[in-house]
Amino acid sequence: MYRSRSPAVNEAIEKFREAAEPLLGDYQSIEVYLIAFRWRKYWLNLATRAVLDPREPRSFKFLGHKGLRELIVDADVVPVSELDRLTGAFETGRIEWKGTTVCCARVEQGEPRLPYTPYYRRYPRVWSERNLGIDVHCHALSGWDSTMHSTIGADGFAILQSDVASLPRPYRGVGDLVRSHVGREDVDNESAGSILEILAPAWLCFDSSSLLQSGKVNVKAVMREGLQPGDASVGVVQSNGAGVVRRGRTGLKVDGRKKAGWVALAVEMPLDTRAEMVSLLLSYRGELVDERDLHLNLQGRLNPRMQSYKAIDPELRQFQEALLGKAKDPGRAFERAFLALFSFLGFSCIHIGDNERNPDVLAWGLDPALVFVVECTIGEPDLRNKATKFSARLRHARAFSPASNVVGLLATVLKQEMVNPADRDRLRNDRVVLIDAECIQRLLQLANRGRSVDEAIEFLQQMARTQGLESWKRVRP
């Protein structure tokens, strides 16, 4: 029997509705993806995702698995009026799905009793893509049970894994099934729990073809059909190493159909002759939904090292994509690109991150007694315990080289505000300088201008001071 829940559960639901308010009027349908499995006399939820969509309800061609005895793997499109029924699962602990009651509750004493506790979270585009598998800004209402493995026991979980592997379209495990059918990315086979999530995406984002060219800022974006182009606008901040040189905001115009279900938007504006970087801020009805930085001088014309590197990477495009974490193998490519960036700045570098025992890069400036120990990551600093392991490696390096000044740097493709505050505190306590996406772009500007390694080290010292760390000894003249 289900146990009633406190009215406090409504707080998370209200937060979700309030945050998604600018978008709710546009939604017309909900795509629902559901996976459930039979346990004793119950159907337990494994993963259910409901995605709000501005398009009208339509026929949905789902090539899934039907007629299974122990698993339900299904999907459908329902009207947006079903939203209250879906959010109600956090209060009732159940979803009625085509004549079957699916339990969305924690199991206690062999009975589904306590509905999932809902939480609201706002996912910027980069986090939405990595965690949810949806490449747009997104609001999420989600609840889960992390004890599913212990609930059904090792034997029950093994049976579930066997059923998944035996499907007509086989999967390597529960995690593979959830990623493929529901779309959620941060699931693995060994620690799979159950989850119910309701997503309100802002179906609007920048297109990769935005660029600076011929004295113009060419902005390209895409919007899902059903949204209102007149409610979208882009903020433009033009700057150089000395600061901001121009600000402004403008609307976007329809530029034809991008692909089925999407509309292309575009706008062009003059590029200030003093600008080296343009920050684009895409908003929809007053909410920031995407942002992107465009850099004018990516060709390193004043840096002979970068000019030589262009022989293998014309226009340094692969290098730039790797620094942004957008290469095909993003983790390894980011390590190599960061090492290349330090080399362009005049550091002597070696890559030692071929195994998990070592940091990624060692770098020296003009003073051999000043060594930078670098760890690179494309995720949160302590994802998979990376920051903790790096701290241990750094302590070992400092103890092994007491005569050297060992400086820890953790480089990430994320902006500082997207890094968990607890991770930032841990890095600060371990005397590690966080090199975020904006710092990397500043270092790239120094490299483009052919600045010396001393100037790069001075910039890193400034970053250390702004993060509450003491500056290290200056290099020898």
Protein backbone atom coordinates (compact mmCIF):
# COMPACT_ATOMS: atom_id res chain seq x y z
CA MET A 1 0.00 0.00 0.00
CA TYR A 2 1.24 3.50 -0.81
CA ARG A 3 1.94 5.86 2.03
CA SER A 4 0.67 9.44 1.64
CA ARG A 5 3.27 12.14 1.29
CA SER A 6 3.54 15.53 2.96
CA PRO A 7 2.21 18.56 1.02
CA ALA A 8 5.83 19.81 1.01
CA VAL A 9 6.30 17.76 -2.14
CA ASN A 10 4.40 20.48 -3.98
CA GLU A 11 7.28 22.91 -3.43
CA ALA A 12 9.52 21.23 -6.03
CA ILE A 13 6.63 20.97 -8.49
CA GLU A 14 5.85 24.66 -8.05
CA LYS A 15 9.51 25.59 -8.55
CA PHE A 16 9.50 23.62 -11.78
CA ARG A 17 6.32 25.29 -13.04
CA GLU A 18 7.50 28.75 -12.03
CA ALA A 19 10.89 28.34 -13.73
CA ALA A 20 9.32 26.94 -16.91
CA GLU A 21 6.53 29.54 -16.94
CA PRO A 22 7.89 31.48 -19.99
CA LEU A 23 7.70 28.24 -21.99
CA LEU A 24 4.54 26.54 -20.71
CA GLY A 25 2.24 28.49 -23.00
CA ASP A 26 4.10 27.15 -26.07
CA TYR A 27 3.97 23.46 -25.24
CA GLN A 28 1.34 21.42 -27.06
CA SER A 29 2.39 17.82 -26.46
CA ILE A 30 4.53 15.53 -24.28
CA GLU A 31 6.74 12.72 -25.53
CA VAL A 32 6.76 9.95 -22.92
CA TYR A 33 9.38 7.17 -22.82
CA LEU A 34 8.89 4.40 -20.27
CA ILE A 35 10.77 1.30 -19.15
CA ALA A 36 9.32 -0.90 -16.39
CA PHE A 37 10.02 -4.43 -15.17
CA ARG A 38 7.98 -7.02 -13.28
CA TRP A 39 9.03 -7.70 -9.69
CA ARG A 40 6.84 -10.04 -7.67
CA LYS A 41 3.28 -8.82 -8.27
CA TYR A 42 4.31 -5.26 -9.23
CA TRP A 43 5.52 -3.40 -12.28
CA LEU A 44 8.40 -1.22 -11.02
CA ASN A 45 9.55 1.85 -12.91
CA LEU A 46 13.09 1.62 -14.25
CA ALA A 47 13.22 4.86 -16.22
CA THR A 48 10.44 7.19 -17.34
CA ARG A 49 11.01 10.47 -19.16
CA ALA A 50 8.36 12.99 -20.23
CA VAL A 51 9.60 15.72 -22.59
CA LEU A 52 7.41 18.76 -23.28
CA ASP A 53 7.24 19.81 -26.93
CA PRO A 54 5.80 22.91 -28.66
CA ARG A 55 4.53 20.86 -31.60
CA GLU A 56 0.97 19.59 -31.83
CA PRO A 57 0.35 15.97 -30.74
CA ARG A 58 1.12 13.72 -33.69
CA SER A 59 1.41 10.11 -34.66
CA PHE A 60 4.48 8.56 -33.10
CA LYS A 61 6.36 5.80 -34.86
CA PHE A 62 8.08 3.84 -32.12
CA LEU A 63 10.26 0.88 -33.05
CA GLY A 64 10.40 -0.54 -29.55
CA HIS A 65 9.75 -3.82 -27.75
CA LYS A 66 6.15 -4.88 -27.21
CA GLY A 67 4.54 -8.06 -25.95
CA LEU A 68 7.31 -8.78 -23.42
CA ARG A 69 6.42 -10.72 -20.27
CA GLU A 70 8.88 -9.18 -17.81
CA LEU A 71 9.65 -5.78 -19.37
CA ILE A 72 7.67 -2.83 -20.70
CA VAL A 73 9.66 -0.73 -23.17
CA ASP A 74 7.26 1.78 -24.68
CA ALA A 75 6.83 5.36 -25.87
CA ASP A 76 3.99 7.62 -26.96
CA VAL A 77 2.95 11.24 -27.48
CA VAL A 78 0.22 12.63 -25.22
CA PRO A 79 -1.46 16.06 -25.06
CA VAL A 80 0.10 18.67 -22.76
CA SER A 81 -3.06 18.45 -20.63
CA GLU A 82 -1.55 15.20 -19.26
CA LEU A 83 1.18 17.17 -17.44
CA ASP A 84 -0.75 17.26 -14.14
CA ARG A 85 -1.25 13.48 -14.27
CA LEU A 86 2.47 12.93 -14.79
CA THR A 87 3.60 15.31 -12.04
CA GLY A 88 0.99 13.67 -9.80
CA ALA A 89 3.12 10.51 -9.80
CA PHE A 90 5.36 12.22 -7.26
CA GLU A 91 2.37 12.28 -4.89
CA THR A 92 0.65 8.98 -5.70
CA GLY A 93 3.76 6.89 -6.44
CA ARG A 94 2.21 5.45 -9.60
CA ILE A 95 1.64 6.06 -13.30
CA GLU A 96 -1.24 4.46 -15.13
CA TRP A 97 0.18 3.43 -18.50
CA LYS A 98 -2.11 1.80 -21.06
CA GLY A 99 -3.91 -0.31 -18.51
CA THR A 100 -0.85 -1.12 -16.37
CA THR A 101 -0.01 0.47 -13.01
CA VAL A 102 3.70 1.32 -12.94
CA CYS A 103 5.08 1.96 -9.43
CA CYS A 104 7.29 5.04 -9.05
CA ALA A 105 8.07 4.54 -5.39
CA ARG A 106 10.71 3.21 -3.04
CA VAL A 107 10.18 -0.35 -1.90
CA GLU A 108 9.99 -0.98 1.84
CA GLN A 109 9.37 -4.41 3.38
CA GLY A 110 8.52 -5.85 -0.01
CA GLU A 111 5.93 -3.18 -0.87
CA PRO A 112 6.17 0.04 -2.95
CA ARG A 113 5.42 2.65 -0.31
CA LEU A 114 7.12 6.03 -0.54
CA PRO A 115 6.84 7.97 -3.83
CA TYR A 116 10.03 9.42 -5.28
CA THR A 117 11.02 12.74 -3.72
CA PRO A 118 10.95 15.32 -6.54
CA TYR A 119 13.74 17.82 -7.09
CA TYR A 120 13.88 20.75 -9.48
CA ARG A 121 17.06 21.56 -11.39
CA ARG A 122 17.93 24.01 -14.13
CA TYR A 123 20.32 22.59 -16.75
CA PRO A 124 22.27 25.04 -18.93
CA ARG A 125 22.79 23.72 -22.44
CA VAL A 126 26.20 22.15 -21.83
CA TRP A 127 24.97 20.23 -18.77
CA SER A 128 21.72 19.26 -20.45
CA GLU A 129 23.64 17.72 -23.34
CA ARG A 130 26.01 15.78 -21.11
CA ASN A 131 23.57 14.57 -18.46
CA LEU A 132 20.21 14.47 -20.20
CA GLY A 133 21.24 13.94 -23.82
CA ILE A 134 19.20 17.00 -24.89
CA ASP A 135 21.28 19.71 -26.57
CA VAL A 136 19.27 22.72 -25.34
CA HIS A 137 18.73 24.58 -22.07
CA CYS A 138 16.32 22.57 -19.92
CA HIS A 139 14.24 22.65 -16.72
CA ALA A 140 13.91 19.26 -14.99
CA LEU A 141 11.65 17.84 -12.30
CA SER A 142 13.03 14.47 -11.29
CA GLY A 143 12.90 11.86 -8.57
CA TRP A 144 14.66 8.54 -8.22
CA ASP A 145 15.37 5.49 -6.14
CA SER A 146 19.06 4.69 -5.92
CA THR A 147 18.38 1.46 -4.00
CA MET A 148 16.81 -0.53 -6.85
CA HIS A 149 19.74 -2.94 -6.96
CA SER A 150 19.39 -3.82 -3.28
CA THR A 151 15.58 -3.82 -3.54
CA ILE A 152 15.38 -6.66 -6.04
CA GLY A 153 18.63 -8.29 -4.86
CA ALA A 154 21.60 -9.53 -6.81
CA ASP A 155 19.65 -12.43 -8.31
CA GLY A 156 16.78 -10.17 -9.36
CA PHE A 157 19.16 -7.68 -10.92
CA ALA A 158 20.95 -10.47 -12.78
CA ILE A 159 17.60 -11.65 -14.17
CA LEU A 160 16.82 -8.08 -15.25
CA GLN A 161 20.19 -7.78 -16.98
CA SER A 162 19.58 -11.13 -18.71
CA ASP A 163 16.15 -10.01 -19.92
CA VAL A 164 17.64 -6.80 -21.32
CA ALA A 165 20.40 -8.71 -23.13
CA SER A 166 17.81 -11.10 -24.60
CA LEU A 167 15.57 -8.46 -26.19
CA PRO A 168 14.99 -8.69 -29.98
CA ARG A 169 17.22 -5.64 -30.21
CA PRO A 170 19.83 -6.59 -27.57
CA TYR A 171 21.53 -4.17 -25.18
CA ARG A 172 24.72 -4.54 -23.16
CA GLY A 173 22.90 -3.90 -19.90
CA VAL A 174 20.37 -1.75 -18.08
CA GLY A 175 22.43 1.40 -18.57
CA ASP A 176 22.68 0.80 -22.31
CA LEU A 177 18.89 0.33 -22.55
CA VAL A 178 18.14 3.50 -20.57
CA ARG A 179 20.59 5.58 -22.59
CA SER A 180 19.26 4.27 -25.90
CA HIS A 181 15.53 4.42 -25.20
CA VAL A 182 15.08 7.20 -22.64
CA GLY A 183 18.13 9.26 -23.61
CA ARG A 184 19.64 9.90 -20.20
CA GLU A 185 23.43 9.86 -20.38
CA ASP A 186 24.66 9.57 -16.77
CA VAL A 187 23.58 5.96 -16.23
CA ASP A 188 25.80 2.89 -15.98
CA ASN A 189 25.02 -0.79 -15.75
CA GLU A 190 26.56 -1.44 -12.34
CA SER A 191 24.79 1.23 -10.26
CA ALA A 192 21.56 1.74 -12.19
CA GLY A 193 18.72 3.12 -10.09
CA SER A 194 15.19 4.00 -11.14
CA ILE A 195 14.20 7.51 -12.20
CA LEU A 196 11.17 9.55 -13.21
CA GLU A 197 11.86 12.89 -14.86
CA ILE A 198 9.75 15.56 -16.51
CA LEU A 199 11.69 17.89 -18.79
CA ALA A 200 10.75 21.34 -20.08
CA PRO A 201 13.40 22.17 -22.71
CA ALA A 202 13.82 25.62 -24.21
CA TRP A 203 13.88 24.41 -27.80
CA LEU A 204 16.15 27.22 -28.98
CA CYS A 205 19.95 27.39 -29.30
CA PHE A 206 22.83 28.83 -31.31
CA ASP A 207 23.85 27.08 -34.51
CA SER A 208 27.49 26.10 -34.90
CA SER A 209 27.76 28.27 -38.05
CA SER A 210 27.79 31.57 -36.08
CA LEU A 211 31.05 33.37 -36.87
CA LEU A 212 33.00 36.62 -37.16
CA GLN A 213 33.74 37.42 -40.77
CA SER A 214 34.48 40.47 -42.95
CA GLY A 215 33.85 42.96 -40.17
CA LYS A 216 30.48 41.41 -39.28
CA VAL A 217 29.05 39.35 -36.45
CA ASN A 218 26.93 36.65 -38.12
CA VAL A 219 24.60 35.04 -35.60
CA LYS A 220 22.80 31.80 -36.47
CA ALA A 221 20.29 29.99 -34.26
CA VAL A 222 17.65 27.28 -34.56
CA MET A 223 14.21 27.12 -32.96
CA ARG A 224 11.70 24.31 -32.83
CA GLU A 225 8.44 24.93 -34.64
CA GLY A 226 5.77 26.16 -32.25
CA LEU A 227 7.94 28.73 -30.48
CA GLN A 228 7.58 32.42 -31.32
CA PRO A 229 10.55 33.92 -33.23
CA GLY A 230 9.58 37.44 -32.15
CA ASP A 231 10.16 36.49 -28.49
CA ALA A 232 13.82 35.55 -29.10
CA SER A 233 16.68 38.04 -28.88
CA VAL A 234 20.45 37.97 -28.70
CA GLY A 235 22.69 40.08 -26.48
CA VAL A 236 26.07 40.96 -27.97
CA VAL A 237 29.11 41.93 -25.87
CA GLN A 238 32.23 42.84 -27.88
CA SER A 239 35.52 42.99 -25.99
CA ASN A 240 39.29 42.77 -26.14
CA GLY A 241 42.06 42.27 -23.60
CA ALA A 242 41.45 45.75 -22.17
CA GLY A 243 37.72 45.28 -21.58
CA VAL A 244 34.29 45.68 -23.19
CA VAL A 245 34.17 47.95 -26.25
CA ARG A 246 30.49 47.62 -27.24
CA ARG A 247 27.24 46.13 -25.94
CA GLY A 248 23.82 45.70 -27.51
CA ARG A 249 20.75 43.50 -27.98
CA THR A 250 18.83 42.72 -31.14
CA GLY A 251 16.05 40.48 -32.38
CA LEU A 252 16.41 37.50 -34.71
CA LYS A 253 14.73 37.02 -38.08
CA VAL A 254 13.43 33.81 -39.62
CA ASP A 255 15.99 32.55 -42.14
CA GLY A 256 14.10 29.61 -43.59
CA ARG A 257 13.63 26.01 -42.45
CA LYS A 258 16.69 24.29 -41.01
CA LYS A 259 15.31 20.76 -41.01
CA ALA A 260 12.06 18.97 -40.24
CA GLY A 261 10.54 20.50 -37.12
CA TRP A 262 13.10 23.31 -36.81
CA VAL A 263 13.21 26.92 -37.98
CA ALA A 264 16.45 28.77 -38.78
CA LEU A 265 17.01 32.25 -37.29
CA ALA A 266 19.72 34.77 -38.17
CA VAL A 267 20.90 38.32 -37.63
CA GLU A 268 23.99 40.27 -38.75
CA MET A 269 25.59 43.25 -37.04
CA PRO A 270 28.84 45.24 -37.39
CA LEU A 271 31.96 44.05 -35.60
CA ASP A 272 33.81 46.80 -33.71
CA THR A 273 37.34 47.17 -35.08
CA ARG A 274 38.74 47.03 -31.54
CA ALA A 275 37.03 43.75 -30.64
CA GLU A 276 38.87 40.43 -30.36
CA MET A 277 36.05 38.43 -28.80
CA VAL A 278 32.25 38.54 -29.04
CA SER A 279 30.02 36.98 -26.35
CA LEU A 280 26.54 36.04 -27.60
CA LEU A 281 23.69 35.67 -25.08
CA LEU A 282 20.51 34.09 -26.46
CA SER A 283 17.28 34.82 -24.58
CA TYR A 284 13.67 33.74 -24.96
CA ARG A 285 11.02 35.78 -23.15
CA GLY A 286 13.59 37.16 -20.75
CA GLU A 287 15.32 33.88 -19.91
CA LEU A 288 18.91 33.12 -20.93
CA VAL A 289 18.83 29.85 -22.88
CA ASP A 290 22.24 29.68 -24.58
CA GLU A 291 25.56 31.49 -24.77
CA ARG A 292 28.58 31.33 -27.00
CA ASP A 293 31.92 33.11 -27.40
CA LEU A 294 33.35 33.90 -30.83
CA HIS A 295 37.03 34.79 -31.15
CA LEU A 296 38.43 36.91 -33.94
CA ASN A 297 42.12 36.14 -33.79
CA LEU A 298 42.30 32.36 -33.74
CA GLN A 299 45.08 32.08 -36.29
CA GLY A 300 48.00 33.17 -34.14
CA ARG A 301 49.53 35.41 -36.79
CA LEU A 302 51.92 36.91 -34.21
CA ASN A 303 53.00 33.57 -32.76
CA PRO A 304 55.52 31.57 -34.83
CA ARG A 305 54.77 28.37 -32.91
CA MET A 306 51.09 28.61 -33.83
CA GLN A 307 51.93 29.46 -37.42
CA SER A 308 54.02 26.29 -37.66
CA TYR A 309 51.24 24.24 -36.07
CA LYS A 310 48.87 25.36 -38.83
CA ALA A 311 50.77 23.05 -41.18
CA ILE A 312 48.92 20.12 -39.53
CA ASP A 313 45.80 21.99 -38.39
CA PRO A 314 44.80 24.70 -40.92
CA GLU A 315 43.18 27.72 -39.23
CA LEU A 316 43.66 25.88 -35.90
CA ARG A 317 40.06 24.66 -36.05
CA GLN A 318 40.67 21.25 -34.51
CA PHE A 319 42.72 22.91 -31.78
CA GLN A 320 39.89 25.34 -31.03
CA GLU A 321 37.22 22.61 -30.97
CA ALA A 322 39.34 20.54 -28.60
CA LEU A 323 39.77 23.47 -26.20
CA LEU A 324 35.98 23.80 -26.13
CA GLY A 325 35.53 20.09 -25.41
CA LYS A 326 33.82 19.47 -28.76
CA ALA A 327 36.23 17.04 -30.41
CA LYS A 328 35.28 13.43 -31.21
CA ASP A 329 37.25 12.10 -28.23
CA PRO A 330 36.74 15.19 -26.03
CA GLY A 331 38.70 14.16 -22.94
CA ARG A 332 41.90 13.09 -24.66
CA ALA A 333 41.65 15.88 -27.24
CA PHE A 334 41.26 18.51 -24.51
CA GLU A 335 44.41 17.24 -22.76
CA ARG A 336 46.42 17.50 -25.98
CA ALA A 337 45.00 20.92 -26.84
CA PHE A 338 45.80 22.32 -23.40
CA LEU A 339 49.35 20.97 -23.67
CA ALA A 340 49.62 22.62 -27.11
CA LEU A 341 48.31 25.91 -25.68
CA PHE A 342 50.98 25.91 -22.96
CA SER A 343 53.60 25.08 -25.58
CA PHE A 344 52.42 28.02 -27.73
CA LEU A 345 52.89 30.23 -24.66
CA GLY A 346 56.51 29.13 -24.30
CA PHE A 347 56.22 26.53 -21.54
CA SER A 348 58.29 23.35 -21.72
CA CYS A 349 55.69 20.58 -21.45
CA ILE A 350 55.48 16.81 -21.27
CA HIS A 351 52.34 14.66 -21.28
CA ILE A 352 52.38 11.97 -18.58
CA GLY A 353 48.66 11.20 -18.27
CA ASP A 354 48.79 7.79 -19.94
CA ASN A 355 47.59 6.04 -16.78
CA GLU A 356 45.36 6.91 -13.83
CA ARG A 357 48.27 7.23 -11.39
CA ASN A 358 49.66 10.36 -13.06
CA PRO A 359 48.39 13.89 -13.68
CA ASP A 360 48.01 14.86 -17.32
CA VAL A 361 50.75 17.44 -17.95
CA LEU A 362 53.95 18.77 -16.37
CA ALA A 363 55.05 22.25 -17.49
CA TRP A 364 57.96 24.59 -16.70
CA GLY A 365 58.54 28.25 -17.48
CA LEU A 366 61.98 29.84 -17.41
CA ASP A 367 62.67 28.70 -13.86
CA PRO A 368 63.14 24.90 -13.63
CA ALA A 369 62.29 25.06 -9.91
CA LEU A 370 58.75 26.27 -10.75
CA VAL A 371 56.72 23.33 -12.05
CA PHE A 372 53.04 23.33 -13.02
CA VAL A 373 51.20 20.05 -12.48
CA VAL A 374 48.10 20.06 -14.68
CA GLU A 375 44.95 17.93 -14.58
CA CYS A 376 42.42 18.32 -17.42
CA THR A 377 38.72 17.48 -17.31
CA ILE A 378 35.70 18.05 -19.53
CA GLY A 379 33.24 17.41 -16.66
CA GLU A 380 32.80 18.56 -13.10
CA PRO A 381 36.16 18.61 -11.30
CA ASP A 382 35.22 15.78 -8.92
CA LEU A 383 33.39 13.68 -11.47
CA ARG A 384 34.54 10.08 -10.90
CA ASN A 385 36.63 11.36 -7.96
CA LYS A 386 39.04 13.20 -10.30
CA ALA A 387 39.72 16.17 -8.00
CA THR A 388 40.36 13.89 -5.01
CA LYS A 389 42.84 11.78 -6.97
CA PHE A 390 44.55 14.89 -8.32
CA SER A 391 44.98 16.26 -4.79
CA ALA A 392 46.74 13.05 -3.76
CA ARG A 393 49.04 13.20 -6.80
CA LEU A 394 49.81 16.84 -6.07
CA ARG A 395 50.72 16.12 -2.46
CA HIS A 396 53.02 13.36 -3.67
CA ALA A 397 54.69 15.73 -6.16
CA ARG A 398 55.21 18.38 -3.49
CA ALA A 399 56.66 15.88 -1.03
CA PHE A 400 58.91 14.32 -3.69
CA SER A 401 60.27 17.72 -4.84
CA PRO A 402 60.61 19.85 -1.69
CA ALA A 403 63.12 22.17 -3.40
CA SER A 404 60.67 22.95 -6.22
CA ASN A 405 57.68 25.24 -6.20
CA VAL A 406 54.89 22.89 -7.34
CA VAL A 407 51.73 24.64 -8.58
CA GLY A 408 48.57 22.64 -9.22
CA LEU A 409 46.29 23.65 -12.11
CA LEU A 410 42.95 22.01 -12.87
CA ALA A 411 41.80 22.92 -16.37
CA THR A 412 38.16 22.49 -17.38
CA VAL A 413 36.01 23.36 -20.39
CA LEU A 414 33.34 24.64 -17.97
CA LYS A 415 32.88 28.20 -16.80
CA GLN A 416 33.65 28.79 -13.14
CA GLU A 417 30.03 29.41 -12.15
CA MET A 418 29.11 25.94 -13.46
CA VAL A 419 31.59 24.25 -11.14
CA ASN A 420 30.10 22.91 -7.90
CA PRO A 421 30.95 25.32 -5.00
CA ALA A 422 32.05 22.34 -2.89
CA ASP A 423 34.55 21.39 -5.61
CA ARG A 424 35.85 24.97 -5.77
CA ASP A 425 36.36 24.95 -1.99
CA ARG A 426 38.19 21.64 -2.17
CA LEU A 427 40.51 22.93 -4.89
CA ARG A 428 41.19 26.08 -2.89
CA ASN A 429 42.01 24.05 0.24
CA ASP A 430 44.42 21.93 -1.81
CA ARG A 431 46.01 25.08 -3.30
CA VAL A 432 44.90 24.22 -6.82
CA VAL A 433 44.17 26.99 -9.32
CA LEU A 434 40.99 26.44 -11.33
CA ILE A 435 41.53 27.24 -15.01
CA ASP A 436 38.02 27.53 -16.41
CA ALA A 437 36.78 28.17 -19.96
CA GLU A 438 37.18 31.94 -19.69
CA CYS A 439 40.74 31.62 -18.34
CA ILE A 440 41.61 29.32 -21.23
CA GLN A 441 40.34 31.89 -23.73
CA ARG A 442 42.43 34.61 -22.03
CA LEU A 443 45.48 32.37 -22.30
CA LEU A 444 44.63 31.80 -25.95
CA GLN A 445 44.54 35.56 -26.52
CA LEU A 446 48.02 35.85 -24.98
CA ALA A 447 49.25 33.07 -27.28
CA ASN A 448 47.68 34.72 -30.35
CA ARG A 449 49.56 37.91 -29.57
CA GLY A 450 52.85 36.06 -29.14
CA ARG A 451 53.19 37.06 -25.48
CA SER A 452 56.02 35.65 -23.37
CA VAL A 453 55.81 32.80 -20.91
CA ASP A 454 56.45 35.34 -18.12
CA GLU A 455 53.23 37.17 -19.04
CA ALA A 456 51.33 33.90 -19.04
CA ILE A 457 52.66 33.05 -15.57
CA GLU A 458 51.72 36.53 -14.35
CA PHE A 459 48.17 35.94 -15.60
CA LEU A 460 48.04 32.59 -13.77
CA GLN A 461 49.21 34.36 -10.62
CA GLN A 462 46.33 36.82 -11.00
CA MET A 463 43.92 33.90 -11.30
CA ALA A 464 45.37 32.39 -8.12
CA ARG A 465 44.89 35.64 -6.22
CA THR A 466 41.27 36.06 -7.39
CA GLN A 467 40.57 32.53 -6.09
CA GLY A 468 41.98 33.35 -2.66
CA LEU A 469 45.33 31.59 -3.14
CA GLU A 470 48.76 32.97 -2.43
CA SER A 471 50.92 33.77 -5.43
CA TRP A 472 53.94 31.58 -5.96
CA LYS A 473 57.49 32.77 -6.40
CA ARG A 474 58.14 34.79 -9.52
CA VAL A 475 60.32 33.34 -12.23
CA ARG A 476 63.96 34.33 -12.41
CA PRO A 477 64.76 37.25 -14.74
